[in-house]
Amino acid sequence: MQAVKSKDTRPELTIRRALHSAGFRYRLHRRDLPGCPDLVFPGRRKIIFVHGCFWHGHSCRRGARIPKTHTDYWQEKVKCNQLRDAASEDKLRKAGWSVLTVWECDTEPGSIDRVFQFLRSEHIADQ
């Protein structure tokens, strides 16, 4: 687990490259905000989390995979990650931020449109 990165992951870099080339500017990993969001757009009051499917328990094929060894440990770890994510997102929404979670499996080049729609929307929507 020591080799697993929490910053600058391939899905995060994919999103960042697409947004930057489209002219969006952002701040990275603001530690003063709950959950240390991956991408922060302060002027728009919008935040994007880029989650790994396995680590955050997504319902896709990769996220639903359960390791064959230490099963109890991994299930508990993913559950704690999900609870922490929900708490962070709730705190951010209560503070007036609009939050979008992008999953690792959603970062293929053609599936970034949802991120652009989120950033271009003017109203604060629960995503």
Protein backbone atom coordinates (compact mmCIF):
# COMPACT_ATOMS: atom_id res chain seq x y z
CA MET A 1 0.00 0.00 0.00
CA GLN A 2 2.97 2.30 0.39
CA ALA A 3 3.22 2.65 -3.39
CA VAL A 4 -0.41 3.78 -3.75
CA LYS A 5 -0.54 7.51 -4.49
CA SER A 6 -3.18 9.85 -3.16
CA LYS A 7 -2.21 12.76 -5.45
CA ASP A 8 -1.43 12.98 -9.14
CA THR A 9 -3.05 9.65 -10.00
CA ARG A 10 -3.71 8.76 -13.63
CA PRO A 11 -7.48 9.51 -13.42
CA GLU A 12 -6.80 12.82 -11.70
CA LEU A 13 -4.21 13.84 -14.29
CA THR A 14 -6.62 12.91 -17.09
CA ILE A 15 -9.29 15.22 -15.64
CA ARG A 16 -6.78 17.99 -14.97
CA ARG A 17 -5.39 17.90 -18.53
CA ALA A 18 -8.88 18.04 -20.06
CA LEU A 19 -9.98 20.93 -17.84
CA HIS A 20 -6.79 22.93 -18.31
CA SER A 21 -6.90 22.56 -22.09
CA ALA A 22 -10.54 23.77 -22.02
CA GLY A 23 -9.44 26.93 -20.17
CA PHE A 24 -10.53 26.06 -16.63
CA ARG A 25 -8.16 27.05 -13.83
CA TYR A 26 -8.24 25.43 -10.41
CA ARG A 27 -6.42 24.86 -7.15
CA LEU A 28 -5.14 21.44 -6.12
CA HIS A 29 -5.60 19.57 -2.85
CA ARG A 30 -6.73 22.40 -0.58
CA ARG A 31 -5.90 21.07 2.86
CA ASP A 32 -7.99 23.77 4.54
CA LEU A 33 -11.20 22.23 3.12
CA PRO A 34 -12.83 19.03 4.40
CA GLY A 35 -11.60 15.95 2.57
CA CYS A 36 -8.69 17.80 0.90
CA PRO A 37 -10.50 18.03 -2.48
CA ASP A 38 -8.58 17.11 -5.63
CA LEU A 39 -9.72 20.11 -7.67
CA VAL A 40 -11.10 23.34 -6.25
CA PHE A 41 -12.64 26.17 -8.28
CA PRO A 42 -12.85 28.95 -5.66
CA GLY A 43 -14.56 31.57 -7.84
CA ARG A 44 -17.25 29.11 -8.89
CA ARG A 45 -17.56 27.57 -5.38
CA LYS A 46 -17.22 24.12 -6.95
CA ILE A 47 -15.19 21.09 -5.96
CA ILE A 48 -14.30 17.89 -7.77
CA PHE A 49 -13.18 14.71 -6.05
CA VAL A 50 -11.53 12.08 -8.25
CA HIS A 51 -12.00 8.73 -6.51
CA GLY A 52 -10.41 5.39 -7.23
CA CYS A 53 -13.12 2.77 -7.70
CA PHE A 54 -11.51 0.13 -5.47
CA TRP A 55 -10.46 2.44 -2.63
CA HIS A 56 -13.80 4.22 -2.34
CA GLY A 57 -16.13 1.29 -3.04
CA HIS A 58 -17.73 2.21 -6.36
CA SER A 59 -20.40 -0.11 -7.75
CA CYS A 60 -18.48 -0.85 -10.98
CA ARG A 61 -16.59 -4.07 -11.70
CA ARG A 62 -13.31 -2.76 -10.27
CA GLY A 63 -14.92 -1.23 -7.20
CA ALA A 64 -17.01 -4.27 -6.33
CA ARG A 65 -13.95 -6.52 -6.28
CA ILE A 66 -13.10 -7.98 -2.87
CA PRO A 67 -9.57 -9.24 -2.20
CA LYS A 68 -9.31 -12.93 -1.36
CA THR A 69 -7.00 -12.36 1.61
CA HIS A 70 -7.70 -10.14 4.63
CA THR A 71 -11.26 -9.69 3.41
CA ASP A 72 -12.56 -8.26 6.70
CA TYR A 73 -9.79 -5.67 6.82
CA TRP A 74 -10.43 -4.45 3.25
CA GLN A 75 -14.19 -4.31 3.65
CA GLU A 76 -13.80 -2.25 6.83
CA LYS A 77 -11.24 0.04 5.18
CA VAL A 78 -13.47 0.76 2.18
CA LYS A 79 -16.48 1.30 4.46
CA CYS A 80 -14.50 3.85 6.53
CA ASN A 81 -13.41 5.61 3.33
CA GLN A 82 -17.04 5.85 2.20
CA LEU A 83 -18.15 7.26 5.57
CA ARG A 84 -15.32 9.80 5.56
CA ASP A 85 -16.16 10.81 1.97
CA ALA A 86 -19.83 11.32 2.84
CA ALA A 87 -18.97 13.40 5.91
CA SER A 88 -16.55 15.59 3.96
CA GLU A 89 -19.05 16.12 1.16
CA ASP A 90 -21.78 17.02 3.65
CA LYS A 91 -19.54 19.60 5.36
CA LEU A 92 -18.62 21.15 2.02
CA ARG A 93 -22.25 21.38 0.88
CA LYS A 94 -23.25 22.99 4.18
CA ALA A 95 -20.46 25.53 3.66
CA GLY A 96 -21.96 26.47 0.29
CA TRP A 97 -19.80 24.41 -2.08
CA SER A 98 -21.15 22.41 -4.98
CA VAL A 99 -19.48 18.98 -5.10
CA LEU A 100 -18.95 16.45 -7.90
CA THR A 101 -17.38 13.02 -7.50
CA VAL A 102 -15.71 11.58 -10.58
CA TRP A 103 -14.93 7.87 -10.48
CA GLU A 104 -11.82 6.30 -11.93
CA CYS A 105 -13.93 4.28 -14.38
CA ASP A 106 -15.50 7.53 -15.69
CA THR A 107 -12.24 9.11 -16.81
CA GLU A 108 -12.01 7.74 -20.32
CA PRO A 109 -11.36 10.58 -22.76
CA GLY A 110 -14.94 10.68 -24.11
CA SER A 111 -16.66 10.69 -20.71
CA ILE A 112 -15.41 14.01 -19.35
CA ASP A 113 -18.53 15.86 -20.56
CA ARG A 114 -20.27 15.46 -17.19
CA VAL A 115 -17.42 17.42 -15.55
CA PHE A 116 -17.74 20.25 -18.07
CA GLN A 117 -21.51 20.41 -17.53
CA PHE A 118 -20.99 20.59 -13.77
CA LEU A 119 -18.51 23.45 -14.07
CA ARG A 120 -20.58 25.43 -16.57
CA SER A 121 -23.80 25.23 -14.57
CA GLU A 122 -24.57 28.41 -12.70
CA HIS A 123 -26.74 27.04 -9.93
CA ILE A 124 -25.49 24.94 -7.05
CA ALA A 125 -26.75 21.46 -7.77
CA ASP A 126 -26.35 18.30 -5.75
CA GLN A 127 -24.34 16.04 -8.02
